[in-house]
Amino acid sequence: MSRGKKEPIEVICPRCRYTEIVYLPIEDLPRCPQCNIQMSISELLDEGKSY
């Protein structure tokens, strides 16, 4: 699997638990639109993942 393409990750706000899906590579993680604090990575959403 090549790591050069954009990969989806789920980010979460540590304060209000707002979640959002963004695509890597990004320079820095987005800020929560409600709390205006930097969000952290919740989960890497790899393709082909089965539940």
N, C-alpha and C. Protein backbone atom coordinates (compact mmCIF):
# COMPACT_ATOMS: atom_id res chain seq x y z
N MET A 1 0.85 -1.18 0.00
CA MET A 1 0.00 0.00 0.00
C MET A 1 0.89 1.24 0.00
N SER A 2 0.63 2.15 -0.91
CA SER A 2 1.46 3.35 -0.97
C SER A 2 0.93 4.39 -0.01
N ARG A 3 1.84 5.07 0.65
CA ARG A 3 1.46 6.09 1.62
C ARG A 3 1.48 7.49 1.01
N GLY A 4 1.71 7.60 -0.31
CA GLY A 4 1.78 8.91 -0.95
C GLY A 4 0.43 9.54 -1.21
N LYS A 5 -0.61 8.74 -1.31
CA LYS A 5 -1.93 9.29 -1.59
C LYS A 5 -2.61 9.78 -0.32
N LYS A 6 -3.66 10.56 -0.51
CA LYS A 6 -4.38 11.06 0.66
C LYS A 6 -5.18 9.95 1.30
N GLU A 7 -5.08 9.86 2.62
CA GLU A 7 -5.79 8.83 3.36
C GLU A 7 -6.73 9.48 4.36
N PRO A 8 -7.94 8.94 4.52
CA PRO A 8 -8.88 9.54 5.48
C PRO A 8 -8.51 9.20 6.92
N ILE A 9 -8.66 10.20 7.78
CA ILE A 9 -8.52 9.98 9.22
C ILE A 9 -9.68 10.66 9.91
N GLU A 10 -10.07 10.12 11.04
CA GLU A 10 -11.12 10.74 11.83
C GLU A 10 -10.47 11.52 12.95
N VAL A 11 -10.83 12.80 13.08
CA VAL A 11 -10.30 13.63 14.16
C VAL A 11 -11.43 13.95 15.12
N ILE A 12 -11.07 14.17 16.38
CA ILE A 12 -12.08 14.40 17.41
C ILE A 12 -11.64 15.56 18.30
N CYS A 13 -12.60 16.36 18.73
CA CYS A 13 -12.32 17.45 19.66
C CYS A 13 -12.25 16.86 21.07
N PRO A 14 -11.15 17.09 21.80
CA PRO A 14 -11.04 16.52 23.14
C PRO A 14 -12.03 17.13 24.14
N ARG A 15 -12.55 18.31 23.84
CA ARG A 15 -13.46 18.97 24.78
C ARG A 15 -14.91 18.57 24.54
N CYS A 16 -15.42 18.79 23.32
CA CYS A 16 -16.86 18.54 23.07
C CYS A 16 -17.15 17.25 22.33
N ARG A 17 -16.10 16.51 21.93
CA ARG A 17 -16.23 15.23 21.23
C ARG A 17 -16.77 15.37 19.80
N TYR A 18 -16.73 16.56 19.22
CA TYR A 18 -17.12 16.76 17.82
C TYR A 18 -16.14 15.99 16.95
N THR A 19 -16.64 15.21 15.99
CA THR A 19 -15.76 14.44 15.12
C THR A 19 -15.91 14.89 13.67
N GLU A 20 -14.85 14.68 12.91
CA GLU A 20 -14.83 15.10 11.52
C GLU A 20 -13.83 14.20 10.80
N ILE A 21 -14.07 13.97 9.51
CA ILE A 21 -13.14 13.17 8.71
C ILE A 21 -12.35 14.11 7.81
N VAL A 22 -11.04 14.02 7.88
CA VAL A 22 -10.15 14.82 7.04
C VAL A 22 -9.22 13.87 6.29
N TYR A 23 -8.54 14.41 5.29
CA TYR A 23 -7.65 13.57 4.47
C TYR A 23 -6.21 14.01 4.64
N LEU A 24 -5.33 13.03 4.92
CA LEU A 24 -3.90 13.29 4.99
C LEU A 24 -3.33 13.22 3.59
N PRO A 25 -2.22 13.82 3.26
CA PRO A 25 -1.42 14.62 4.19
C PRO A 25 -1.97 16.03 4.34
N ILE A 26 -1.98 16.50 5.57
CA ILE A 26 -2.32 17.89 5.88
C ILE A 26 -1.21 18.45 6.75
N GLU A 27 -1.02 19.75 6.70
CA GLU A 27 0.08 20.35 7.45
C GLU A 27 -0.14 20.22 8.95
N ASP A 28 -1.35 20.54 9.39
CA ASP A 28 -1.66 20.40 10.81
C ASP A 28 -3.13 20.03 10.96
N LEU A 29 -3.49 19.56 12.12
CA LEU A 29 -4.85 19.11 12.33
C LEU A 29 -5.80 20.30 12.41
N PRO A 30 -7.06 20.10 11.99
CA PRO A 30 -8.02 21.22 12.01
C PRO A 30 -8.41 21.61 13.43
N ARG A 31 -9.02 22.78 13.53
CA ARG A 31 -9.52 23.25 14.82
C ARG A 31 -11.02 22.98 14.89
N CYS A 32 -11.49 22.70 16.07
CA CYS A 32 -12.91 22.42 16.28
C CYS A 32 -13.72 23.69 16.00
N PRO A 33 -14.77 23.61 15.17
CA PRO A 33 -15.56 24.81 14.86
C PRO A 33 -16.35 25.32 16.06
N GLN A 34 -16.58 24.48 17.05
CA GLN A 34 -17.35 24.90 18.22
C GLN A 34 -16.47 25.42 19.35
N CYS A 35 -15.35 24.74 19.63
CA CYS A 35 -14.49 25.10 20.77
C CYS A 35 -13.27 25.91 20.36
N ASN A 36 -12.91 25.86 19.08
CA ASN A 36 -11.73 26.53 18.55
C ASN A 36 -10.43 26.04 19.20
N ILE A 37 -10.37 24.74 19.53
CA ILE A 37 -9.12 24.14 19.98
C ILE A 37 -8.71 23.07 18.97
N GLN A 38 -7.42 22.75 18.96
CA GLN A 38 -6.93 21.79 17.97
C GLN A 38 -7.47 20.39 18.26
N MET A 39 -7.95 19.75 17.21
CA MET A 39 -8.52 18.42 17.32
C MET A 39 -7.40 17.39 17.31
N SER A 40 -7.67 16.19 17.81
CA SER A 40 -6.68 15.12 17.82
C SER A 40 -7.19 13.94 16.99
N ILE A 41 -6.26 13.07 16.59
CA ILE A 41 -6.64 11.92 15.75
C ILE A 41 -7.39 10.90 16.58
N SER A 42 -8.56 10.51 16.09
CA SER A 42 -9.37 9.51 16.76
C SER A 42 -9.10 8.12 16.16
N GLU A 43 -9.08 8.07 14.83
CA GLU A 43 -8.93 6.76 14.17
C GLU A 43 -8.40 6.95 12.76
N LEU A 44 -7.54 6.04 12.33
CA LEU A 44 -7.10 6.00 10.95
C LEU A 44 -8.09 5.14 10.18
N LEU A 45 -8.66 5.68 9.14
CA LEU A 45 -9.70 4.97 8.39
C LEU A 45 -9.10 4.35 7.14
N ASP A 46 -8.46 3.19 7.32
CA ASP A 46 -7.84 2.50 6.22
C ASP A 46 -8.88 1.81 5.34
N GLU A 47 -8.63 1.83 4.04
CA GLU A 47 -9.53 1.14 3.12
C GLU A 47 -9.41 -0.37 3.31
N GLY A 48 -10.50 -1.07 3.11
CA GLY A 48 -10.48 -2.51 3.21
C GLY A 48 -10.63 -3.03 4.63
N LYS A 49 -10.93 -2.16 5.54
CA LYS A 49 -11.09 -2.56 6.93
C LYS A 49 -12.44 -3.26 7.09
N SER A 50 -12.46 -4.37 7.77
CA SER A 50 -13.73 -5.08 7.98
C SER A 50 -14.10 -5.10 9.45
N TYR A 51 -15.37 -5.12 9.71
CA TYR A 51 -15.85 -5.11 11.09
C TYR A 51 -16.39 -6.47 11.49
